[in-house]
Amino acid sequence: MAKVLVAEDERDIRDLIAFTLRFAGFDVVTVTNGQEAVEVAPLEMPDLILLDGRMPLMTGYEACARMKNIPEIANIPVVFLSAKGQENEIRAGIDAGAVEYLLKPFAPYELTQKVRTILARAGK
């Protein structure tokens, strides 16, 4: 079972993502901000990391860039799941090291299919 780390500051959205992914058979670990994501990722060693772009303490963009500099987790695919769809936001996510940038709102089926596709590309 693939493990997904979800960093999302809005509880309802975090719970919805976690429920959706667990229902699809994934092991899910949740955190509430970018700083926690950076701290928890090396401990949990997820197969995929989903980050919100805008979070307190440390943005998802900052967290992604920091994680890409930690050798043990640098190769874990990072995906942004954000309501901010402007070109500069998407570019910031990709420049930070993300493999995909998905927009909220999302359909649960689309999210799980996208996660499966990204994991398959990563050989997981």
N, C-alpha and C. Protein backbone atom coordinates (compact mmCIF):
# COMPACT_ATOMS: atom_id res chain seq x y z
N MET A 1 0.85 -1.17 0.00
CA MET A 1 0.00 0.00 0.00
C MET A 1 0.90 1.25 0.00
N ALA A 2 0.66 2.12 -0.96
CA ALA A 2 1.46 3.34 -1.05
C ALA A 2 1.07 4.32 0.05
N LYS A 3 2.08 5.04 0.54
CA LYS A 3 1.86 6.02 1.60
C LYS A 3 1.91 7.43 1.01
N VAL A 4 0.92 8.25 1.39
CA VAL A 4 0.84 9.63 0.91
C VAL A 4 0.85 10.57 2.12
N LEU A 5 1.74 11.54 2.08
CA LEU A 5 1.78 12.60 3.10
C LEU A 5 0.99 13.78 2.55
N VAL A 6 0.01 14.24 3.32
CA VAL A 6 -0.84 15.37 2.91
C VAL A 6 -0.59 16.53 3.86
N ALA A 7 -0.16 17.67 3.31
CA ALA A 7 0.03 18.89 4.10
C ALA A 7 -1.02 19.90 3.65
N GLU A 8 -1.97 20.17 4.52
CA GLU A 8 -3.09 21.08 4.22
C GLU A 8 -3.52 21.74 5.51
N ASP A 9 -3.60 23.07 5.51
CA ASP A 9 -3.93 23.78 6.75
C ASP A 9 -5.43 23.83 7.04
N GLU A 10 -6.28 23.69 6.03
CA GLU A 10 -7.72 23.73 6.26
C GLU A 10 -8.22 22.32 6.60
N ARG A 11 -8.71 22.18 7.83
CA ARG A 11 -9.07 20.86 8.34
C ARG A 11 -10.07 20.12 7.47
N ASP A 12 -11.13 20.79 7.02
CA ASP A 12 -12.14 20.11 6.22
C ASP A 12 -11.56 19.57 4.92
N ILE A 13 -10.71 20.35 4.29
CA ILE A 13 -10.09 19.90 3.04
C ILE A 13 -9.11 18.77 3.32
N ARG A 14 -8.32 18.92 4.38
CA ARG A 14 -7.36 17.86 4.77
C ARG A 14 -8.10 16.56 5.04
N ASP A 15 -9.21 16.64 5.77
CA ASP A 15 -9.98 15.44 6.08
C ASP A 15 -10.59 14.81 4.82
N LEU A 16 -11.06 15.64 3.90
CA LEU A 16 -11.64 15.15 2.66
C LEU A 16 -10.58 14.44 1.81
N ILE A 17 -9.40 15.04 1.69
CA ILE A 17 -8.32 14.42 0.93
C ILE A 17 -7.93 13.09 1.57
N ALA A 18 -7.76 13.10 2.88
CA ALA A 18 -7.36 11.88 3.60
C ALA A 18 -8.42 10.79 3.43
N PHE A 19 -9.68 11.14 3.59
CA PHE A 19 -10.77 10.16 3.44
C PHE A 19 -10.77 9.58 2.02
N THR A 20 -10.66 10.47 1.04
CA THR A 20 -10.68 10.05 -0.37
C THR A 20 -9.55 9.07 -0.66
N LEU A 21 -8.35 9.40 -0.21
CA LEU A 21 -7.19 8.55 -0.49
C LEU A 21 -7.24 7.25 0.31
N ARG A 22 -7.69 7.31 1.55
CA ARG A 22 -7.81 6.07 2.34
C ARG A 22 -8.85 5.14 1.73
N PHE A 23 -9.96 5.71 1.29
CA PHE A 23 -11.02 4.92 0.66
C PHE A 23 -10.49 4.22 -0.59
N ALA A 24 -9.54 4.87 -1.27
CA ALA A 24 -8.94 4.30 -2.49
C ALA A 24 -7.82 3.32 -2.17
N GLY A 25 -7.53 3.12 -0.87
CA GLY A 25 -6.56 2.11 -0.49
C GLY A 25 -5.17 2.62 -0.14
N PHE A 26 -5.02 3.91 -0.01
CA PHE A 26 -3.71 4.47 0.33
C PHE A 26 -3.56 4.62 1.84
N ASP A 27 -2.33 4.52 2.30
CA ASP A 27 -1.98 4.85 3.68
C ASP A 27 -1.74 6.36 3.68
N VAL A 28 -2.39 7.10 4.56
CA VAL A 28 -2.32 8.56 4.54
C VAL A 28 -1.83 9.10 5.87
N VAL A 29 -0.87 10.01 5.80
CA VAL A 29 -0.37 10.74 6.96
C VAL A 29 -0.68 12.21 6.69
N THR A 30 -1.26 12.90 7.68
CA THR A 30 -1.61 14.31 7.48
C THR A 30 -0.84 15.22 8.43
N VAL A 31 -0.54 16.41 7.92
CA VAL A 31 0.07 17.48 8.71
C VAL A 31 -0.63 18.78 8.34
N THR A 32 -0.42 19.81 9.17
CA THR A 32 -1.20 21.04 8.99
C THR A 32 -0.44 22.21 8.39
N ASN A 33 0.86 22.05 8.14
CA ASN A 33 1.62 23.15 7.54
C ASN A 33 2.91 22.64 6.90
N GLY A 34 3.58 23.53 6.20
CA GLY A 34 4.80 23.15 5.51
C GLY A 34 5.93 22.73 6.43
N GLN A 35 6.05 23.39 7.56
CA GLN A 35 7.10 23.04 8.51
C GLN A 35 6.94 21.60 8.99
N GLU A 36 5.70 21.22 9.32
CA GLU A 36 5.45 19.85 9.75
C GLU A 36 5.75 18.87 8.62
N ALA A 37 5.44 19.24 7.39
CA ALA A 37 5.72 18.36 6.25
C ALA A 37 7.21 18.07 6.15
N VAL A 38 8.02 19.12 6.30
CA VAL A 38 9.48 18.95 6.22
C VAL A 38 9.98 18.06 7.36
N GLU A 39 9.40 18.20 8.54
CA GLU A 39 9.83 17.41 9.69
C GLU A 39 9.35 15.95 9.60
N VAL A 40 8.13 15.73 9.12
CA VAL A 40 7.52 14.41 9.14
C VAL A 40 7.96 13.56 7.94
N ALA A 41 8.18 14.16 6.80
CA ALA A 41 8.51 13.38 5.59
C ALA A 41 9.69 12.43 5.79
N PRO A 42 10.83 12.86 6.38
CA PRO A 42 11.93 11.90 6.56
C PRO A 42 11.61 10.79 7.55
N LEU A 43 10.69 11.03 8.46
CA LEU A 43 10.31 10.01 9.44
C LEU A 43 9.35 8.98 8.84
N GLU A 44 8.42 9.46 8.02
CA GLU A 44 7.39 8.59 7.44
C GLU A 44 7.80 7.97 6.11
N MET A 45 8.71 8.61 5.39
CA MET A 45 9.15 8.16 4.07
C MET A 45 7.97 7.81 3.16
N PRO A 46 7.12 8.81 2.87
CA PRO A 46 5.97 8.54 2.01
C PRO A 46 6.40 8.27 0.57
N ASP A 47 5.49 7.70 -0.20
CA ASP A 47 5.74 7.46 -1.62
C ASP A 47 5.38 8.69 -2.46
N LEU A 48 4.56 9.57 -1.88
CA LEU A 48 4.10 10.78 -2.56
C LEU A 48 3.77 11.83 -1.51
N ILE A 49 4.01 13.09 -1.84
CA ILE A 49 3.69 14.19 -0.93
C ILE A 49 2.74 15.14 -1.64
N LEU A 50 1.58 15.41 -1.03
CA LEU A 50 0.63 16.41 -1.53
C LEU A 50 0.73 17.64 -0.66
N LEU A 51 0.97 18.79 -1.27
CA LEU A 51 1.13 20.04 -0.53
C LEU A 51 0.15 21.10 -0.99
N ASP A 52 -0.44 21.79 -0.04
CA ASP A 52 -1.15 23.02 -0.35
C ASP A 52 -0.08 24.09 -0.57
N GLY A 53 -0.34 25.05 -1.41
CA GLY A 53 0.66 26.09 -1.66
C GLY A 53 0.77 27.10 -0.54
N ARG A 54 -0.37 27.55 -0.06
CA ARG A 54 -0.38 28.60 0.97
C ARG A 54 -0.77 28.01 2.31
N MET A 55 0.20 27.97 3.22
CA MET A 55 -0.04 27.47 4.57
C MET A 55 0.72 28.33 5.56
N PRO A 56 0.31 28.31 6.83
CA PRO A 56 1.04 29.09 7.84
C PRO A 56 2.39 28.46 8.18
N LEU A 57 3.23 29.21 8.81
CA LEU A 57 4.57 28.84 9.26
C LEU A 57 5.55 28.67 8.11
N MET A 58 5.17 27.88 7.10
CA MET A 58 6.02 27.70 5.93
C MET A 58 5.10 27.32 4.77
N THR A 59 5.22 28.02 3.66
CA THR A 59 4.37 27.71 2.51
C THR A 59 4.74 26.34 1.94
N GLY A 60 3.85 25.82 1.15
CA GLY A 60 4.14 24.57 0.47
C GLY A 60 5.33 24.70 -0.47
N TYR A 61 5.48 25.88 -1.08
CA TYR A 61 6.59 26.12 -2.01
C TYR A 61 7.93 26.05 -1.26
N GLU A 62 7.97 26.69 -0.11
CA GLU A 62 9.19 26.65 0.71
C GLU A 62 9.46 25.22 1.20
N ALA A 63 8.41 24.54 1.63
CA ALA A 63 8.56 23.17 2.13
C ALA A 63 9.08 22.25 1.02
N CYS A 64 8.53 22.38 -0.17
CA CYS A 64 8.96 21.55 -1.29
C CYS A 64 10.45 21.79 -1.58
N ALA A 65 10.83 23.05 -1.66
CA ALA A 65 12.23 23.37 -1.95
C ALA A 65 13.15 22.81 -0.88
N ARG A 66 12.74 22.90 0.39
CA ARG A 66 13.58 22.35 1.47
C ARG A 66 13.67 20.83 1.39
N MET A 67 12.54 20.18 1.10
CA MET A 67 12.55 18.72 1.03
C MET A 67 13.43 18.23 -0.13
N LYS A 68 13.49 18.97 -1.20
CA LYS A 68 14.32 18.59 -2.34
C LYS A 68 15.81 18.69 -2.02
N ASN A 69 16.15 19.35 -0.90
CA ASN A 69 17.53 19.46 -0.44
C ASN A 69 17.88 18.47 0.66
N ILE A 70 16.95 17.58 0.98
CA ILE A 70 17.19 16.54 1.99
C ILE A 70 17.37 15.23 1.22
N PRO A 71 18.59 14.71 1.16
CA PRO A 71 18.87 13.55 0.30
C PRO A 71 17.92 12.37 0.46
N GLU A 72 17.52 12.04 1.69
CA GLU A 72 16.68 10.86 1.93
C GLU A 72 15.30 10.99 1.27
N ILE A 73 14.81 12.20 1.10
CA ILE A 73 13.45 12.39 0.58
C ILE A 73 13.41 13.18 -0.73
N ALA A 74 14.56 13.56 -1.25
CA ALA A 74 14.62 14.42 -2.43
C ALA A 74 13.93 13.82 -3.65
N ASN A 75 13.90 12.49 -3.76
CA ASN A 75 13.31 11.86 -4.93
C ASN A 75 11.84 11.51 -4.79
N ILE A 76 11.24 11.82 -3.65
CA ILE A 76 9.81 11.56 -3.47
C ILE A 76 9.04 12.58 -4.31
N PRO A 77 8.11 12.11 -5.16
CA PRO A 77 7.33 13.06 -5.96
C PRO A 77 6.47 13.96 -5.08
N VAL A 78 6.49 15.24 -5.41
CA VAL A 78 5.68 16.24 -4.70
C VAL A 78 4.65 16.79 -5.68
N VAL A 79 3.41 16.89 -5.21
CA VAL A 79 2.31 17.42 -6.01
C VAL A 79 1.65 18.53 -5.23
N PHE A 80 1.45 19.67 -5.88
CA PHE A 80 0.70 20.74 -5.25
C PHE A 80 -0.77 20.55 -5.56
N LEU A 81 -1.60 20.75 -4.55
CA LEU A 81 -3.04 20.71 -4.65
C LEU A 81 -3.52 22.03 -4.08
N SER A 82 -3.82 22.98 -4.97
CA SER A 82 -4.06 24.34 -4.52
C SER A 82 -5.22 24.99 -5.27
N ALA A 83 -5.86 25.94 -4.62
CA ALA A 83 -6.92 26.72 -5.26
C ALA A 83 -6.33 27.85 -6.09
N LYS A 84 -5.06 28.12 -5.93
CA LYS A 84 -4.39 29.20 -6.66
C LYS A 84 -3.91 28.67 -8.00
N GLY A 85 -4.61 29.06 -9.07
CA GLY A 85 -4.28 28.54 -10.39
C GLY A 85 -3.60 29.53 -11.31
N GLN A 86 -3.15 30.66 -10.77
CA GLN A 86 -2.47 31.63 -11.61
C GLN A 86 -1.13 31.05 -12.09
N GLU A 87 -0.71 31.50 -13.26
CA GLU A 87 0.52 30.99 -13.86
C GLU A 87 1.71 31.12 -12.92
N ASN A 88 1.82 32.25 -12.19
CA ASN A 88 2.97 32.43 -11.29
C ASN A 88 2.94 31.45 -10.12
N GLU A 89 1.76 31.07 -9.66
CA GLU A 89 1.64 30.08 -8.59
C GLU A 89 2.06 28.69 -9.10
N ILE A 90 1.57 28.35 -10.26
CA ILE A 90 1.92 27.05 -10.85
C ILE A 90 3.43 26.99 -11.10
N ARG A 91 3.99 28.05 -11.65
CA ARG A 91 5.43 28.10 -11.93
C ARG A 91 6.22 27.97 -10.63
N ALA A 92 5.76 28.63 -9.55
CA ALA A 92 6.45 28.55 -8.26
C ALA A 92 6.48 27.11 -7.76
N GLY A 93 5.39 26.38 -7.94
CA GLY A 93 5.33 24.99 -7.51
C GLY A 93 6.26 24.10 -8.30
N ILE A 94 6.26 24.27 -9.60
CA ILE A 94 7.14 23.46 -10.45
C ILE A 94 8.60 23.83 -10.20
N ASP A 95 8.87 25.12 -10.07
CA ASP A 95 10.25 25.57 -9.81
C ASP A 95 10.77 25.05 -8.47
N ALA A 96 9.86 24.86 -7.51
CA ALA A 96 10.27 24.35 -6.19
C ALA A 96 10.59 22.86 -6.24
N GLY A 97 10.17 22.18 -7.32
CA GLY A 97 10.50 20.77 -7.46
C GLY A 97 9.31 19.83 -7.60
N ALA A 98 8.10 20.37 -7.69
CA ALA A 98 6.91 19.52 -7.82
C ALA A 98 6.83 18.88 -9.20
N VAL A 99 6.22 17.70 -9.25
CA VAL A 99 6.03 17.02 -10.53
C VAL A 99 4.68 17.37 -11.16
N GLU A 100 3.74 17.85 -10.34
CA GLU A 100 2.41 18.21 -10.83
C GLU A 100 1.85 19.34 -9.97
N TYR A 101 0.86 20.05 -10.54
CA TYR A 101 0.17 21.11 -9.83
C TYR A 101 -1.31 20.93 -10.14
N LEU A 102 -2.07 20.45 -9.17
CA LEU A 102 -3.49 20.19 -9.35
C LEU A 102 -4.31 21.29 -8.70
N LEU A 103 -5.45 21.58 -9.31
CA LEU A 103 -6.29 22.66 -8.80
C LEU A 103 -7.46 22.14 -7.97
N LYS A 104 -7.76 22.87 -6.90
CA LYS A 104 -8.98 22.66 -6.12
C LYS A 104 -10.05 23.55 -6.76
N PRO A 105 -11.29 23.18 -6.73
CA PRO A 105 -11.80 21.93 -6.17
C PRO A 105 -11.47 20.77 -7.10
N PHE A 106 -11.50 19.58 -6.54
CA PHE A 106 -11.17 18.39 -7.30
C PHE A 106 -12.28 17.36 -7.08
N ALA A 107 -12.44 16.49 -8.06
CA ALA A 107 -13.36 15.36 -7.90
C ALA A 107 -12.57 14.24 -7.24
N PRO A 108 -13.10 13.57 -6.25
CA PRO A 108 -12.37 12.50 -5.57
C PRO A 108 -11.79 11.46 -6.53
N TYR A 109 -12.57 11.04 -7.52
CA TYR A 109 -12.09 10.05 -8.47
C TYR A 109 -10.88 10.58 -9.25
N GLU A 110 -10.95 11.84 -9.67
CA GLU A 110 -9.84 12.45 -10.41
C GLU A 110 -8.58 12.51 -9.55
N LEU A 111 -8.74 12.84 -8.28
CA LEU A 111 -7.58 12.91 -7.38
C LEU A 111 -6.93 11.54 -7.24
N THR A 112 -7.73 10.52 -6.99
CA THR A 112 -7.14 9.19 -6.81
C THR A 112 -6.50 8.69 -8.10
N GLN A 113 -7.11 8.96 -9.24
CA GLN A 113 -6.52 8.54 -10.52
C GLN A 113 -5.20 9.26 -10.75
N LYS A 114 -5.14 10.55 -10.45
CA LYS A 114 -3.92 11.33 -10.65
C LYS A 114 -2.83 10.80 -9.72
N VAL A 115 -3.16 10.52 -8.48
CA VAL A 115 -2.19 9.99 -7.52
C VAL A 115 -1.66 8.64 -8.02
N ARG A 116 -2.54 7.78 -8.48
CA ARG A 116 -2.10 6.47 -9.01
C ARG A 116 -1.17 6.64 -10.21
N THR A 117 -1.51 7.56 -11.09
CA THR A 117 -0.68 7.81 -12.28
C THR A 117 0.71 8.30 -11.90
N ILE A 118 0.78 9.24 -10.97
CA ILE A 118 2.05 9.79 -10.54
C ILE A 118 2.89 8.72 -9.84
N LEU A 119 2.25 7.92 -9.00
CA LEU A 119 2.97 6.84 -8.33
C LEU A 119 3.49 5.80 -9.34
N ALA A 120 2.69 5.50 -10.34
CA ALA A 120 3.12 4.54 -11.37
C ALA A 120 4.31 5.09 -12.14
N ARG A 121 4.29 6.38 -12.47
CA ARG A 121 5.43 6.98 -13.16
C ARG A 121 6.69 6.91 -12.32
N ALA A 122 6.50 6.99 -10.99
CA ALA A 122 7.64 6.95 -10.06
C ALA A 122 8.05 5.51 -9.74
N GLY A 123 7.34 4.55 -10.31
CA GLY A 123 7.68 3.14 -10.06
C GLY A 123 7.21 2.62 -8.72
N LYS A 124 6.18 3.22 -8.17
CA LYS A 124 5.67 2.81 -6.85
C LYS A 124 4.39 2.02 -6.99
